[in-house]
Amino acid sequence: MTDPGDTRDSAPDDVRAPAPALRALFETGPRRLTAVLMLAGIAINFANVVGRYLFGYAIFWAEEIMIFLIVWCVFLGGVTVAFNGAHLRMDLFSARLPSPWKEGVNGIAAVALIGCCGFAAVQSWKVLELISSGGDVSVTASVPMVIPHAALFFGLVLTALAVAVRLRAHLRNRF
């Protein structure tokens, strides 16, 4: 039985659904790209298993590439999770706060998330510059190390933007 005072399922006028372009950038796009990357990893793994057990030949670069794909999947998935407000929260006490305090705590948490992602993105950019100037490549597959490290930078930037775009929903915890 639902509580008549419970309005979690109905969005108020001030918390609207995001525009389709924003949903494509922060939800649909990352989900589809994550799906493609996961399927690529599965295909590489399958080819490696078939090659190893049927032909006695393993794809020597398979594990390294699959790890890079997983890193990209994690940071792209984080964007969608933040956009939808589905990330883990320590809200045992803040959920029970009265209205002005609850929004204040949610605001502090959202600003802290944006700030931490922004700070880490700046540091990640510095690392990307160092890696690109050195021309580092991975040991097994000779992939430029800028590619896997860029996942962190793009994931952090898009996560911060996703939270900023949905700040009103984050304040009211209405998604």
N, C-alpha and C. Protein backbone atom coordinates (compact mmCIF):
# COMPACT_ATOMS: atom_id res chain seq x y z
N MET A 1 0.85 -1.17 0.00
CA MET A 1 0.00 0.00 0.00
C MET A 1 0.89 1.24 0.00
N THR A 2 0.54 2.22 -0.79
CA THR A 2 1.36 3.42 -0.89
C THR A 2 0.84 4.50 0.03
N ASP A 3 1.77 5.32 0.45
CA ASP A 3 1.45 6.43 1.33
C ASP A 3 0.95 7.58 0.45
N PRO A 4 -0.23 8.18 0.75
CA PRO A 4 -0.73 9.27 -0.10
C PRO A 4 0.19 10.48 -0.10
N GLY A 5 0.99 10.63 0.93
CA GLY A 5 1.92 11.76 0.99
C GLY A 5 3.23 11.50 0.27
N ASP A 6 3.44 10.28 -0.18
CA ASP A 6 4.68 9.90 -0.86
C ASP A 6 4.60 10.32 -2.32
N THR A 7 5.47 11.24 -2.72
CA THR A 7 5.45 11.77 -4.09
C THR A 7 6.70 11.37 -4.86
N ARG A 8 7.37 10.30 -4.45
CA ARG A 8 8.61 9.91 -5.12
C ARG A 8 8.39 9.51 -6.57
N ASP A 9 7.24 8.93 -6.88
CA ASP A 9 7.00 8.45 -8.25
C ASP A 9 6.54 9.55 -9.19
N SER A 10 5.96 10.61 -8.67
CA SER A 10 5.49 11.68 -9.54
C SER A 10 6.47 12.85 -9.46
N ALA A 11 6.96 13.26 -10.62
CA ALA A 11 7.93 14.34 -10.67
C ALA A 11 7.22 15.68 -10.59
N PRO A 12 7.66 16.56 -9.70
CA PRO A 12 7.06 17.90 -9.64
C PRO A 12 7.43 18.70 -10.88
N ASP A 13 6.75 19.82 -11.04
CA ASP A 13 6.96 20.65 -12.22
C ASP A 13 8.40 21.16 -12.32
N ASP A 14 9.07 21.38 -11.18
CA ASP A 14 10.41 21.95 -11.23
C ASP A 14 11.49 20.90 -11.50
N VAL A 15 11.13 19.62 -11.55
CA VAL A 15 12.09 18.57 -11.89
C VAL A 15 11.54 17.83 -13.10
N ARG A 16 11.90 18.33 -14.27
CA ARG A 16 11.39 17.76 -15.52
C ARG A 16 12.34 16.69 -16.04
N ALA A 17 11.81 15.89 -16.93
CA ALA A 17 12.64 14.89 -17.61
C ALA A 17 13.66 15.61 -18.47
N PRO A 18 14.87 15.07 -18.56
CA PRO A 18 15.90 15.74 -19.35
C PRO A 18 15.56 15.74 -20.84
N ALA A 19 16.09 16.72 -21.54
CA ALA A 19 15.88 16.83 -22.97
C ALA A 19 16.48 15.61 -23.68
N PRO A 20 15.91 15.26 -24.83
CA PRO A 20 16.43 14.09 -25.57
C PRO A 20 17.92 14.20 -25.91
N ALA A 21 18.39 15.40 -26.21
CA ALA A 21 19.81 15.56 -26.53
C ALA A 21 20.68 15.26 -25.32
N LEU A 22 20.24 15.70 -24.14
CA LEU A 22 20.99 15.41 -22.93
C LEU A 22 20.94 13.92 -22.60
N ARG A 23 19.78 13.33 -22.79
CA ARG A 23 19.64 11.90 -22.53
C ARG A 23 20.54 11.11 -23.50
N ALA A 24 20.65 11.56 -24.74
CA ALA A 24 21.52 10.88 -25.71
C ALA A 24 22.99 11.01 -25.31
N LEU A 25 23.38 12.17 -24.81
CA LEU A 25 24.78 12.41 -24.45
C LEU A 25 25.18 11.67 -23.17
N PHE A 26 24.30 11.68 -22.18
CA PHE A 26 24.67 11.15 -20.87
C PHE A 26 24.10 9.78 -20.54
N GLU A 27 23.14 9.30 -21.32
CA GLU A 27 22.55 8.01 -21.00
C GLU A 27 22.60 7.05 -22.19
N THR A 28 21.90 7.36 -23.24
CA THR A 28 21.80 6.45 -24.38
C THR A 28 23.15 6.21 -25.04
N GLY A 29 23.88 7.28 -25.31
CA GLY A 29 25.19 7.15 -25.96
C GLY A 29 26.17 6.30 -25.16
N PRO A 30 26.40 6.64 -23.89
CA PRO A 30 27.31 5.81 -23.10
C PRO A 30 26.85 4.36 -22.96
N ARG A 31 25.54 4.14 -22.83
CA ARG A 31 25.05 2.76 -22.73
C ARG A 31 25.32 1.97 -24.00
N ARG A 32 25.06 2.58 -25.12
CA ARG A 32 25.29 1.89 -26.40
C ARG A 32 26.77 1.63 -26.64
N LEU A 33 27.59 2.62 -26.34
CA LEU A 33 29.03 2.45 -26.52
C LEU A 33 29.55 1.38 -25.57
N THR A 34 29.05 1.37 -24.34
CA THR A 34 29.44 0.33 -23.38
C THR A 34 29.03 -1.04 -23.89
N ALA A 35 27.84 -1.14 -24.45
CA ALA A 35 27.38 -2.43 -25.00
C ALA A 35 28.28 -2.89 -26.13
N VAL A 36 28.65 -1.98 -27.02
CA VAL A 36 29.52 -2.34 -28.14
C VAL A 36 30.89 -2.79 -27.62
N LEU A 37 31.42 -2.07 -26.65
CA LEU A 37 32.73 -2.43 -26.09
C LEU A 37 32.68 -3.79 -25.38
N MET A 38 31.58 -4.04 -24.67
CA MET A 38 31.44 -5.34 -23.99
C MET A 38 31.34 -6.47 -25.01
N LEU A 39 30.57 -6.24 -26.07
CA LEU A 39 30.46 -7.26 -27.11
C LEU A 39 31.81 -7.51 -27.79
N ALA A 40 32.57 -6.45 -27.99
CA ALA A 40 33.90 -6.61 -28.57
C ALA A 40 34.78 -7.44 -27.63
N GLY A 41 34.71 -7.17 -26.34
CA GLY A 41 35.48 -7.95 -25.37
C GLY A 41 35.07 -9.41 -25.36
N ILE A 42 33.76 -9.66 -25.44
CA ILE A 42 33.27 -11.03 -25.48
C ILE A 42 33.76 -11.73 -26.74
N ALA A 43 33.73 -11.03 -27.87
CA ALA A 43 34.19 -11.63 -29.13
C ALA A 43 35.68 -11.95 -29.07
N ILE A 44 36.47 -11.05 -28.50
CA ILE A 44 37.90 -11.31 -28.37
C ILE A 44 38.14 -12.51 -27.46
N ASN A 45 37.42 -12.54 -26.35
CA ASN A 45 37.57 -13.65 -25.41
C ASN A 45 37.17 -14.98 -26.06
N PHE A 46 36.06 -14.97 -26.79
CA PHE A 46 35.60 -16.19 -27.47
C PHE A 46 36.62 -16.65 -28.50
N ALA A 47 37.13 -15.69 -29.28
CA ALA A 47 38.14 -16.04 -30.29
C ALA A 47 39.39 -16.60 -29.62
N ASN A 48 39.76 -16.05 -28.48
CA ASN A 48 40.94 -16.52 -27.76
C ASN A 48 40.72 -17.95 -27.23
N VAL A 49 39.54 -18.21 -26.69
CA VAL A 49 39.24 -19.55 -26.18
C VAL A 49 39.23 -20.56 -27.33
N VAL A 50 38.58 -20.23 -28.43
CA VAL A 50 38.54 -21.13 -29.58
C VAL A 50 39.95 -21.37 -30.11
N GLY A 51 40.70 -20.30 -30.26
CA GLY A 51 42.07 -20.44 -30.75
C GLY A 51 42.94 -21.28 -29.84
N ARG A 52 42.79 -21.08 -28.54
CA ARG A 52 43.63 -21.80 -27.59
C ARG A 52 43.28 -23.29 -27.52
N TYR A 53 41.99 -23.62 -27.44
CA TYR A 53 41.61 -25.00 -27.21
C TYR A 53 41.38 -25.82 -28.48
N LEU A 54 41.09 -25.17 -29.58
CA LEU A 54 40.90 -25.93 -30.81
C LEU A 54 42.14 -25.94 -31.70
N PHE A 55 42.89 -24.85 -31.68
CA PHE A 55 44.03 -24.74 -32.59
C PHE A 55 45.38 -24.66 -31.88
N GLY A 56 45.34 -24.61 -30.54
CA GLY A 56 46.60 -24.55 -29.80
C GLY A 56 47.32 -23.22 -29.94
N TYR A 57 46.58 -22.17 -30.28
CA TYR A 57 47.18 -20.86 -30.48
C TYR A 57 46.35 -19.83 -29.71
N ALA A 58 46.98 -19.11 -28.80
CA ALA A 58 46.29 -18.07 -28.03
C ALA A 58 46.59 -16.70 -28.64
N ILE A 59 45.62 -15.82 -28.54
CA ILE A 59 45.82 -14.43 -28.99
C ILE A 59 46.56 -13.73 -27.86
N PHE A 60 47.81 -13.40 -28.09
CA PHE A 60 48.68 -12.92 -27.01
C PHE A 60 48.26 -11.55 -26.46
N TRP A 61 47.56 -10.76 -27.23
CA TRP A 61 47.18 -9.42 -26.79
C TRP A 61 45.75 -9.36 -26.24
N ALA A 62 45.04 -10.47 -26.20
CA ALA A 62 43.62 -10.46 -25.86
C ALA A 62 43.34 -9.92 -24.45
N GLU A 63 44.07 -10.40 -23.46
CA GLU A 63 43.80 -9.96 -22.08
C GLU A 63 44.01 -8.47 -21.91
N GLU A 64 45.06 -7.96 -22.48
CA GLU A 64 45.36 -6.54 -22.34
C GLU A 64 44.26 -5.68 -22.96
N ILE A 65 43.83 -6.04 -24.14
CA ILE A 65 42.76 -5.29 -24.81
C ILE A 65 41.46 -5.39 -24.03
N MET A 66 41.15 -6.57 -23.52
CA MET A 66 39.91 -6.73 -22.74
C MET A 66 39.94 -5.87 -21.48
N ILE A 67 41.09 -5.75 -20.85
CA ILE A 67 41.21 -4.89 -19.67
C ILE A 67 40.96 -3.43 -20.07
N PHE A 68 41.52 -3.00 -21.18
CA PHE A 68 41.29 -1.63 -21.64
C PHE A 68 39.81 -1.40 -21.94
N LEU A 69 39.16 -2.38 -22.55
CA LEU A 69 37.73 -2.27 -22.84
C LEU A 69 36.91 -2.17 -21.54
N ILE A 70 37.27 -2.94 -20.55
CA ILE A 70 36.57 -2.91 -19.27
C ILE A 70 36.73 -1.55 -18.59
N VAL A 71 37.93 -0.99 -18.66
CA VAL A 71 38.16 0.34 -18.07
C VAL A 71 37.24 1.36 -18.73
N TRP A 72 37.17 1.32 -20.05
CA TRP A 72 36.28 2.25 -20.76
C TRP A 72 34.82 2.01 -20.37
N CYS A 73 34.42 0.75 -20.24
CA CYS A 73 33.04 0.44 -19.87
C CYS A 73 32.70 0.98 -18.48
N VAL A 74 33.61 0.85 -17.55
CA VAL A 74 33.37 1.32 -16.18
C VAL A 74 33.17 2.83 -16.16
N PHE A 75 34.04 3.56 -16.83
CA PHE A 75 33.94 5.02 -16.77
C PHE A 75 32.79 5.56 -17.61
N LEU A 76 32.43 4.89 -18.68
CA LEU A 76 31.24 5.29 -19.43
C LEU A 76 29.97 4.95 -18.65
N GLY A 77 29.97 3.81 -18.00
CA GLY A 77 28.81 3.42 -17.19
C GLY A 77 28.59 4.37 -16.03
N GLY A 78 29.67 4.89 -15.47
CA GLY A 78 29.56 5.85 -14.38
C GLY A 78 28.83 7.13 -14.78
N VAL A 79 28.98 7.51 -16.02
CA VAL A 79 28.28 8.70 -16.52
C VAL A 79 26.77 8.49 -16.46
N THR A 80 26.32 7.37 -16.96
CA THR A 80 24.89 7.06 -16.97
C THR A 80 24.35 6.92 -15.55
N VAL A 81 25.12 6.29 -14.69
CA VAL A 81 24.69 6.12 -13.30
C VAL A 81 24.54 7.47 -12.62
N ALA A 82 25.49 8.36 -12.81
CA ALA A 82 25.41 9.69 -12.20
C ALA A 82 24.26 10.50 -12.79
N PHE A 83 24.06 10.39 -14.09
CA PHE A 83 22.97 11.13 -14.74
C PHE A 83 21.61 10.71 -14.20
N ASN A 84 21.45 9.43 -13.93
CA ASN A 84 20.18 8.92 -13.41
C ASN A 84 20.09 8.93 -11.89
N GLY A 85 21.12 9.40 -11.22
CA GLY A 85 21.11 9.44 -9.77
C GLY A 85 21.08 8.07 -9.14
N ALA A 86 21.63 7.08 -9.82
CA ALA A 86 21.58 5.70 -9.34
C ALA A 86 22.84 5.28 -8.59
N HIS A 87 23.73 6.23 -8.31
CA HIS A 87 24.96 5.90 -7.62
C HIS A 87 24.69 5.64 -6.13
N LEU A 88 25.63 4.97 -5.51
CA LEU A 88 25.49 4.67 -4.09
C LEU A 88 25.59 5.96 -3.28
N ARG A 89 24.75 6.05 -2.27
CA ARG A 89 24.75 7.24 -1.41
C ARG A 89 24.71 6.79 0.04
N MET A 90 25.34 7.57 0.88
CA MET A 90 25.26 7.36 2.32
C MET A 90 24.13 8.24 2.83
N ASP A 91 22.89 7.82 2.61
CA ASP A 91 21.76 8.68 2.94
C ASP A 91 20.87 8.11 4.03
N LEU A 92 21.44 7.28 4.89
CA LEU A 92 20.65 6.69 5.96
C LEU A 92 20.03 7.78 6.84
N PHE A 93 20.82 8.79 7.16
CA PHE A 93 20.32 9.87 8.02
C PHE A 93 19.77 11.04 7.22
N SER A 94 20.43 11.37 6.09
CA SER A 94 19.99 12.54 5.34
C SER A 94 18.61 12.33 4.70
N ALA A 95 18.22 11.10 4.44
CA ALA A 95 16.90 10.84 3.86
C ALA A 95 15.78 11.18 4.84
N ARG A 96 16.09 11.19 6.11
CA ARG A 96 15.08 11.46 7.14
C ARG A 96 15.09 12.92 7.61
N LEU A 97 15.95 13.73 7.02
CA LEU A 97 16.01 15.13 7.41
C LEU A 97 14.78 15.88 6.89
N PRO A 98 14.38 16.95 7.59
CA PRO A 98 13.28 17.77 7.06
C PRO A 98 13.73 18.50 5.80
N SER A 99 12.75 19.00 5.08
CA SER A 99 12.95 19.50 3.72
C SER A 99 14.10 20.49 3.51
N PRO A 100 14.24 21.57 4.17
CA PRO A 100 15.34 22.45 3.76
C PRO A 100 16.71 21.85 4.04
N TRP A 101 16.82 21.03 5.06
CA TRP A 101 18.10 20.42 5.40
C TRP A 101 18.46 19.30 4.41
N LYS A 102 17.45 18.56 4.00
CA LYS A 102 17.68 17.46 3.06
C LYS A 102 18.24 17.99 1.74
N GLU A 103 17.65 19.03 1.22
CA GLU A 103 18.13 19.61 -0.04
C GLU A 103 19.53 20.18 0.13
N GLY A 104 19.80 20.75 1.31
CA GLY A 104 21.14 21.28 1.58
C GLY A 104 22.20 20.20 1.57
N VAL A 105 21.91 19.09 2.23
CA VAL A 105 22.85 17.97 2.26
C VAL A 105 23.02 17.39 0.86
N ASN A 106 21.92 17.24 0.13
CA ASN A 106 22.00 16.74 -1.25
C ASN A 106 22.82 17.69 -2.12
N GLY A 107 22.66 18.99 -1.91
CA GLY A 107 23.42 19.98 -2.67
C GLY A 107 24.90 19.89 -2.37
N ILE A 108 25.23 19.73 -1.09
CA ILE A 108 26.64 19.59 -0.72
C ILE A 108 27.23 18.35 -1.36
N ALA A 109 26.48 17.26 -1.34
CA ALA A 109 26.96 16.01 -1.95
C ALA A 109 27.16 16.18 -3.45
N ALA A 110 26.22 16.84 -4.14
CA ALA A 110 26.33 17.02 -5.59
C ALA A 110 27.51 17.93 -5.93
N VAL A 111 27.67 19.01 -5.17
CA VAL A 111 28.79 19.92 -5.42
C VAL A 111 30.11 19.23 -5.12
N ALA A 112 30.14 18.41 -4.06
CA ALA A 112 31.36 17.67 -3.75
C ALA A 112 31.69 16.68 -4.87
N LEU A 113 30.67 16.02 -5.41
CA LEU A 113 30.90 15.08 -6.52
C LEU A 113 31.44 15.81 -7.74
N ILE A 114 30.83 16.94 -8.07
CA ILE A 114 31.30 17.73 -9.21
C ILE A 114 32.73 18.20 -8.97
N GLY A 115 33.00 18.68 -7.76
CA GLY A 115 34.34 19.17 -7.43
C GLY A 115 35.40 18.07 -7.48
N CYS A 116 35.09 16.92 -6.91
CA CYS A 116 36.04 15.81 -6.92
C CYS A 116 36.29 15.32 -8.35
N CYS A 117 35.22 15.19 -9.12
CA CYS A 117 35.39 14.76 -10.52
C CYS A 117 36.19 15.79 -11.30
N GLY A 118 35.92 17.07 -11.06
CA GLY A 118 36.67 18.12 -11.75
C GLY A 118 38.14 18.10 -11.40
N PHE A 119 38.44 17.97 -10.11
CA PHE A 119 39.84 17.92 -9.67
C PHE A 119 40.55 16.71 -10.27
N ALA A 120 39.91 15.55 -10.18
CA ALA A 120 40.52 14.34 -10.72
C ALA A 120 40.67 14.42 -12.24
N ALA A 121 39.73 15.09 -12.92
CA ALA A 121 39.83 15.24 -14.37
C ALA A 121 41.03 16.11 -14.74
N VAL A 122 41.27 17.17 -13.98
CA VAL A 122 42.44 18.02 -14.24
C VAL A 122 43.72 17.21 -14.06
N GLN A 123 43.79 16.42 -13.00
CA GLN A 123 44.97 15.59 -12.78
C GLN A 123 45.11 14.54 -13.89
N SER A 124 43.99 13.99 -14.31
CA SER A 124 44.01 13.00 -15.39
C SER A 124 44.52 13.63 -16.69
N TRP A 125 44.11 14.87 -16.93
CA TRP A 125 44.59 15.56 -18.13
C TRP A 125 46.10 15.73 -18.09
N LYS A 126 46.63 16.06 -16.93
CA LYS A 126 48.09 16.20 -16.80
C LYS A 126 48.80 14.88 -17.09
N VAL A 127 48.22 13.79 -16.61
CA VAL A 127 48.80 12.47 -16.89
C VAL A 127 48.72 12.17 -18.38
N LEU A 128 47.59 12.50 -19.00
CA LEU A 128 47.46 12.28 -20.45
C LEU A 128 48.51 13.06 -21.23
N GLU A 129 48.78 14.30 -20.81
CA GLU A 129 49.81 15.08 -21.48
C GLU A 129 51.18 14.43 -21.33
N LEU A 130 51.49 13.94 -20.14
CA LEU A 130 52.78 13.27 -19.92
C LEU A 130 52.90 12.01 -20.76
N ILE A 131 51.83 11.22 -20.79
CA ILE A 131 51.86 9.97 -21.55
C ILE A 131 51.99 10.24 -23.04
N SER A 132 51.24 11.24 -23.52
CA SER A 132 51.30 11.52 -24.95
C SER A 132 52.65 12.10 -25.36
N SER A 133 53.28 12.87 -24.49
CA SER A 133 54.59 13.42 -24.84
C SER A 133 55.66 12.33 -24.83
N GLY A 134 55.46 11.30 -24.02
CA GLY A 134 56.43 10.21 -23.98
C GLY A 134 56.20 9.15 -25.02
N GLY A 135 55.01 9.12 -25.61
CA GLY A 135 54.70 8.14 -26.64
C GLY A 135 54.62 6.71 -26.11
N ASP A 136 54.21 6.56 -24.86
CA ASP A 136 54.12 5.23 -24.27
C ASP A 136 53.08 4.37 -24.96
N VAL A 137 53.41 3.08 -25.10
CA VAL A 137 52.48 2.10 -25.65
C VAL A 137 52.39 0.93 -24.68
N SER A 138 51.31 0.17 -24.80
CA SER A 138 51.13 -0.99 -23.92
C SER A 138 52.14 -2.07 -24.27
N VAL A 139 52.41 -2.93 -23.31
CA VAL A 139 53.46 -3.93 -23.46
C VAL A 139 53.13 -4.97 -24.52
N THR A 140 51.94 -5.52 -24.47
CA THR A 140 51.61 -6.64 -25.33
C THR A 140 51.02 -6.23 -26.67
N ALA A 141 50.03 -5.34 -26.64
CA ALA A 141 49.30 -5.00 -27.86
C ALA A 141 49.83 -3.76 -28.56
N SER A 142 50.77 -3.07 -27.95
CA SER A 142 51.35 -1.82 -28.49
C SER A 142 50.29 -0.75 -28.74
N VAL A 143 49.28 -0.71 -27.88
CA VAL A 143 48.25 0.32 -27.95
C VAL A 143 48.80 1.58 -27.30
N PRO A 144 48.65 2.74 -27.93
CA PRO A 144 49.07 3.97 -27.26
C PRO A 144 48.36 4.10 -25.91
N MET A 145 49.13 4.32 -24.85
CA MET A 145 48.57 4.33 -23.51
C MET A 145 47.64 5.53 -23.27
N VAL A 146 47.65 6.47 -24.19
CA VAL A 146 46.71 7.58 -24.10
C VAL A 146 45.27 7.07 -24.20
N ILE A 147 45.05 6.02 -24.98
CA ILE A 147 43.69 5.51 -25.20
C ILE A 147 43.07 4.96 -23.93
N PRO A 148 43.70 4.04 -23.20
CA PRO A 148 43.05 3.59 -21.97
C PRO A 148 43.00 4.66 -20.89
N HIS A 149 44.02 5.51 -20.81
CA HIS A 149 44.01 6.55 -19.79
C HIS A 149 42.99 7.64 -20.09
N ALA A 150 42.63 7.81 -21.34
CA ALA A 150 41.62 8.81 -21.70
C ALA A 150 40.24 8.44 -21.14
N ALA A 151 40.02 7.17 -20.88
CA ALA A 151 38.73 6.74 -20.30
C ALA A 151 38.49 7.44 -18.98
N LEU A 152 39.50 7.55 -18.17
CA LEU A 152 39.37 8.22 -16.87
C LEU A 152 39.00 9.69 -17.07
N PHE A 153 39.72 10.37 -17.94
CA PHE A 153 39.46 11.78 -18.17
C PHE A 153 38.04 12.02 -18.69
N PHE A 154 37.67 11.32 -19.75
CA PHE A 154 36.34 11.52 -20.33
C PHE A 154 35.24 11.10 -19.37
N GLY A 155 35.44 10.01 -18.66
CA GLY A 155 34.45 9.57 -17.69
C GLY A 155 34.23 10.57 -16.58
N LEU A 156 35.31 11.13 -16.06
CA LEU A 156 35.19 12.12 -14.98
C LEU A 156 34.53 13.41 -15.46
N VAL A 157 34.94 13.89 -16.63
CA VAL A 157 34.35 15.12 -17.16
C VAL A 157 32.86 14.94 -17.43
N LEU A 158 32.51 13.85 -18.08
CA LEU A 158 31.10 13.61 -18.39
C LEU A 158 30.27 13.36 -17.13
N THR A 159 30.85 12.72 -16.12
CA THR A 159 30.14 12.51 -14.86
C THR A 159 29.87 13.84 -14.18
N ALA A 160 30.86 14.71 -14.12
CA ALA A 160 30.66 16.02 -13.51
C ALA A 160 29.60 16.81 -14.27
N LEU A 161 29.65 16.77 -15.60
CA LEU A 161 28.65 17.47 -16.41
C LEU A 161 27.26 16.88 -16.21
N ALA A 162 27.18 15.56 -16.11
CA ALA A 162 25.88 14.89 -15.92
C ALA A 162 25.25 15.31 -14.61
N VAL A 163 26.04 15.40 -13.56
CA VAL A 163 25.50 15.82 -12.25
C VAL A 163 25.12 17.30 -12.30
N ALA A 164 25.93 18.11 -12.96
CA ALA A 164 25.62 19.54 -13.06
C ALA A 164 24.33 19.77 -13.85
N VAL A 165 24.16 19.04 -14.94
CA VAL A 165 22.96 19.18 -15.76
C VAL A 165 21.71 18.77 -14.99
N ARG A 166 21.82 17.74 -14.18
CA ARG A 166 20.67 17.23 -13.40
C ARG A 166 20.72 17.71 -11.95
N LEU A 167 21.36 18.84 -11.70
CA LEU A 167 21.55 19.32 -10.32
C LEU A 167 20.24 19.46 -9.58
N ARG A 168 19.22 19.97 -10.22
CA ARG A 168 17.92 20.15 -9.56
C ARG A 168 17.36 18.80 -9.12
N ALA A 169 17.49 17.79 -9.96
CA ALA A 169 17.02 16.45 -9.58
C ALA A 169 17.88 15.88 -8.46
N HIS A 170 19.17 16.16 -8.48
CA HIS A 170 20.05 15.69 -7.40
C HIS A 170 19.69 16.37 -6.08
N LEU A 171 19.37 17.63 -6.13
CA LEU A 171 19.00 18.34 -4.88
C LEU A 171 17.77 17.75 -4.25
N ARG A 172 16.80 17.42 -5.07
CA ARG A 172 15.52 16.90 -4.55
C ARG A 172 15.45 15.37 -4.53
N ASN A 173 16.54 14.72 -5.02
CA ASN A 173 16.61 13.27 -5.09
C ASN A 173 15.40 12.71 -5.83
N ARG A 174 15.09 13.30 -6.98
CA ARG A 174 13.95 12.88 -7.80
C ARG A 174 14.43 12.57 -9.21
N PHE A 175 14.42 11.31 -9.53
CA PHE A 175 14.86 10.88 -10.85
C PHE A 175 13.81 10.06 -11.51
